[in-house]
């Protein structure tokens, strides 16, 4: 039972981290695009 909970938490944590990472990545990319627009 404990192993099941641990596995679930690990899986949920990894998903959460992936979502956060992709969100941050998109934020950085949009900032980069905005910078490029202002430089031209």
PDB file of N, CA and C in Angstrom:
ATOM      1  N   UNK A   1       0.839  -1.206   0.000  1.00  0.00           N
ATOM      2  CA  UNK A   1       0.000   0.000   0.000  1.00  0.00           C
ATOM      3  C   UNK A   1       0.880   1.265   0.000  1.00  0.00           C
ATOM      4  N   UNK A   2       1.894   1.267   0.830  1.00  0.00           N
ATOM      5  CA  UNK A   2       2.782   2.425   0.919  1.00  0.00           C
ATOM      6  C   UNK A   2       3.525   2.650  -0.391  1.00  0.00           C
ATOM      7  N   UNK A   3       3.951   1.535  -1.003  1.00  0.00           N
ATOM      8  CA  UNK A   3       4.661   1.622  -2.281  1.00  0.00           C
ATOM      9  C   UNK A   3       3.762   2.222  -3.360  1.00  0.00           C
ATOM     10  N   UNK A   4       2.488   1.869  -3.317  1.00  0.00           N
ATOM     11  CA  UNK A   4       1.524   2.376  -4.290  1.00  0.00           C
ATOM     12  C   UNK A   4       1.393   3.891  -4.155  1.00  0.00           C
ATOM     13  N   UNK A   5       1.265   4.351  -2.935  1.00  0.00           N
ATOM     14  CA  UNK A   5       1.144   5.789  -2.674  1.00  0.00           C
ATOM     15  C   UNK A   5       2.413   6.515  -3.128  1.00  0.00           C
ATOM     16  N   UNK A   6       3.572   5.915  -2.815  1.00  0.00           N
ATOM     17  CA  UNK A   6       4.850   6.514  -3.189  1.00  0.00           C
ATOM     18  C   UNK A   6       4.965   6.639  -4.704  1.00  0.00           C
ATOM     19  N   UNK A   7       4.594   5.567  -5.406  1.00  0.00           N
ATOM     20  CA  UNK A   7       4.643   5.559  -6.872  1.00  0.00           C
ATOM     21  C   UNK A   7       3.715   6.630  -7.434  1.00  0.00           C
ATOM     22  N   UNK A   8       2.520   6.743  -6.851  1.00  0.00           N
ATOM     23  CA  UNK A   8       1.545   7.741  -7.309  1.00  0.00           C
ATOM     24  C   UNK A   8       2.101   9.151  -7.115  1.00  0.00           C
ATOM     25  N   UNK A   9       2.662   9.403  -5.930  1.00  0.00           N
ATOM     26  CA  UNK A   9       3.219  10.728  -5.637  1.00  0.00           C
ATOM     27  C   UNK A   9       4.377  11.053  -6.579  1.00  0.00           C
ATOM     28  N   UNK A  10       5.229  10.063  -6.815  1.00  0.00           N
ATOM     29  CA  UNK A  10       6.366  10.258  -7.708  1.00  0.00           C
ATOM     30  C   UNK A  10       5.881  10.602  -9.115  1.00  0.00           C
ATOM     31  N   UNK A  11       4.901   9.842  -9.596  1.00  0.00           N
ATOM     32  CA  UNK A  11       4.359  10.064 -10.934  1.00  0.00           C
ATOM     33  C   UNK A  11       3.713  11.440 -11.026  1.00  0.00           C
ATOM     34  N   UNK A  12       2.917  11.795 -10.000  1.00  0.00           N
ATOM     35  CA  UNK A  12       2.236  13.090  -9.991  1.00  0.00           C
ATOM     36  C   UNK A  12       3.257  14.230  -9.949  1.00  0.00           C
ATOM     37  N   UNK A  13       4.298  14.040  -9.125  1.00  0.00           N
ATOM     38  CA  UNK A  13       5.346  15.053  -9.004  1.00  0.00           C
ATOM     39  C   UNK A  13       6.064  15.277 -10.332  1.00  0.00           C
ATOM     40  N   UNK A  14       6.371  14.181 -11.027  1.00  0.00           N
ATOM     41  CA  UNK A  14       7.054  14.283 -12.317  1.00  0.00           C
ATOM     42  C   UNK A  14       6.182  15.015 -13.327  1.00  0.00           C
ATOM     43  N   UNK A  15       4.897  14.713 -13.338  1.00  0.00           N
ATOM     44  CA  UNK A  15       3.979  15.397 -14.251  1.00  0.00           C
ATOM     45  C   UNK A  15       3.944  16.883 -13.936  1.00  0.00           C
ATOM     46  N   UNK A  16       3.870  17.201 -12.647  1.00  0.00           N
ATOM     47  CA  UNK A  16       3.797  18.589 -12.216  1.00  0.00           C
ATOM     48  C   UNK A  16       5.060  19.338 -12.637  1.00  0.00           C
ATOM     49  N   UNK A  17       6.218  18.702 -12.447  1.00  0.00           N
ATOM     50  CA  UNK A  17       7.496  19.315 -12.817  1.00  0.00           C
ATOM     51  C   UNK A  17       7.563  19.530 -14.328  1.00  0.00           C
ATOM     52  N   UNK A  18       7.089  18.532 -15.086  1.00  0.00           N
ATOM     53  CA  UNK A  18       7.096  18.646 -16.552  1.00  0.00           C
ATOM     54  C   UNK A  18       6.217  19.806 -17.001  1.00  0.00           C
ATOM     55  N   UNK A  19       5.023  19.929 -16.386  1.00  0.00           N
ATOM     56  CA  UNK A  19       4.118  21.020 -16.740  1.00  0.00           C
ATOM     57  C   UNK A  19       4.756  22.364 -16.427  1.00  0.00           C
ATOM     58  N   UNK A  20       5.362  22.468 -15.247  1.00  0.00           N
ATOM     59  CA  UNK A  20       6.025  23.706 -14.835  1.00  0.00           C
ATOM     60  C   UNK A  20       7.162  24.050 -15.799  1.00  0.00           C
ATOM     61  N   UNK A  21       7.955  23.030 -16.150  1.00  0.00           N
ATOM     62  CA  UNK A  21       9.098  23.241 -17.034  1.00  0.00           C
ATOM     63  C   UNK A  21       8.646  23.720 -18.408  1.00  0.00           C
ATOM     64  N   UNK A  22       7.613  23.065 -18.957  1.00  0.00           N
ATOM     65  CA  UNK A  22       7.140  23.464 -20.289  1.00  0.00           C
ATOM     66  C   UNK A  22       6.535  24.867 -20.237  1.00  0.00           C
ATOM     67  N   UNK A  23       5.850  25.178 -19.118  1.00  0.00           N
ATOM     68  CA  UNK A  23       5.272  26.507 -18.959  1.00  0.00           C
ATOM     69  C   UNK A  23       6.370  27.563 -18.933  1.00  0.00           C
ATOM     70  N   UNK A  24       7.416  27.304 -18.129  1.00  0.00           N
ATOM     71  CA  UNK A  24       8.536  28.247 -18.051  1.00  0.00           C
ATOM     72  C   UNK A  24       9.237  28.382 -19.394  1.00  0.00           C
ATOM     73  N   UNK A  25       9.376  27.243 -20.084  1.00  0.00           N
ATOM     74  CA  UNK A  25      10.027  27.251 -21.391  1.00  0.00           C
ATOM     75  C   UNK A  25       9.255  28.137 -22.362  1.00  0.00           C
ATOM     76  N   UNK A  26       7.920  28.027 -22.358  1.00  0.00           N
ATOM     77  CA  UNK A  26       7.101  28.850 -23.256  1.00  0.00           C
ATOM     78  C   UNK A  26       7.179  30.317 -22.860  1.00  0.00           C
ATOM     79  N   UNK A  27       7.240  30.582 -21.540  1.00  0.00           N
ATOM     80  CA  UNK A  27       7.377  31.960 -21.069  1.00  0.00           C
ATOM     81  C   UNK A  27       8.680  32.557 -21.599  1.00  0.00           C
ATOM     82  N   UNK A  28       9.772  31.795 -21.464  1.00  0.00           N
ATOM     83  CA  UNK A  28      11.077  32.274 -21.922  1.00  0.00           C
ATOM     84  C   UNK A  28      11.076  32.509 -23.424  1.00  0.00           C
ATOM     85  N   UNK A  29      10.446  31.595 -24.158  1.00  0.00           N
ATOM     86  CA  UNK A  29      10.413  31.738 -25.611  1.00  0.00           C
ATOM     87  C   UNK A  29       9.622  32.965 -26.026  1.00  0.00           C
ATOM     88  N   UNK A  30       8.497  33.208 -25.362  1.00  0.00           N
ATOM     89  CA  UNK A  30       7.696  34.380 -25.722  1.00  0.00           C
ATOM     90  C   UNK A  30       8.454  35.668 -25.383  1.00  0.00           C
ATOM     91  N   UNK A  31       9.171  35.663 -24.273  1.00  0.00           N
ATOM     92  CA  UNK A  31       9.980  36.832 -23.901  1.00  0.00           C
ATOM     93  C   UNK A  31      11.068  37.059 -24.953  1.00  0.00           C
ATOM     94  N   UNK A  32      11.688  35.981 -25.394  1.00  0.00           N
ATOM     95  CA  UNK A  32      12.732  36.055 -26.416  1.00  0.00           C
ATOM     96  C   UNK A  32      12.165  36.641 -27.710  1.00  0.00           C
ATOM     97  N   UNK A  33      10.969  36.193 -28.096  1.00  0.00           N
ATOM     98  CA  UNK A  33      10.323  36.688 -29.317  1.00  0.00           C
ATOM     99  C   UNK A  33      10.020  38.178 -29.180  1.00  0.00           C
ATOM    100  N   UNK A  34       9.518  38.587 -28.001  1.00  0.00           N
ATOM    101  CA  UNK A  34       9.199  40.001 -27.767  1.00  0.00           C
ATOM    102  C   UNK A  34      10.472  40.839 -27.862  1.00  0.00           C
ATOM    103  N   UNK A  35      11.568  40.336 -27.283  1.00  0.00           N
ATOM    104  CA  UNK A  35      12.849  41.050 -27.355  1.00  0.00           C
ATOM    105  C   UNK A  35      13.282  41.226 -28.802  1.00  0.00           C
ATOM    106  N   UNK A  36      13.137  40.161 -29.594  1.00  0.00           N
ATOM    107  CA  UNK A  36      13.518  40.229 -31.003  1.00  0.00           C
ATOM    108  C   UNK A  36      12.697  41.278 -31.739  1.00  0.00           C
ATOM    109  N   UNK A  37      11.411  41.358 -31.431  1.00  0.00           N
ATOM    110  CA  UNK A  37      10.538  42.337 -32.085  1.00  0.00           C
ATOM    111  C   UNK A  37      11.003  43.757 -31.739  1.00  0.00           C
ATOM    112  N   UNK A  38      11.348  43.986 -30.470  1.00  0.00           N
ATOM    113  CA  UNK A  38      11.758  45.330 -30.058  1.00  0.00           C
ATOM    114  C   UNK A  38      13.136  45.704 -30.596  1.00  0.00           C
ATOM    115  N   UNK A  39      13.973  44.709 -30.837  1.00  0.00           N
ATOM    116  CA  UNK A  39      15.315  45.005 -31.356  1.00  0.00           C
ATOM    117  C   UNK A  39      15.278  45.450 -32.811  1.00  0.00           C
ATOM    118  N   UNK A  40      14.294  44.956 -33.555  1.00  0.00           N
ATOM    119  CA  UNK A  40      14.239  45.328 -34.974  1.00  0.00           C
ATOM    120  C   UNK A  40      13.641  46.699 -35.194  1.00  0.00           C
TER     121      UNK A  40
END
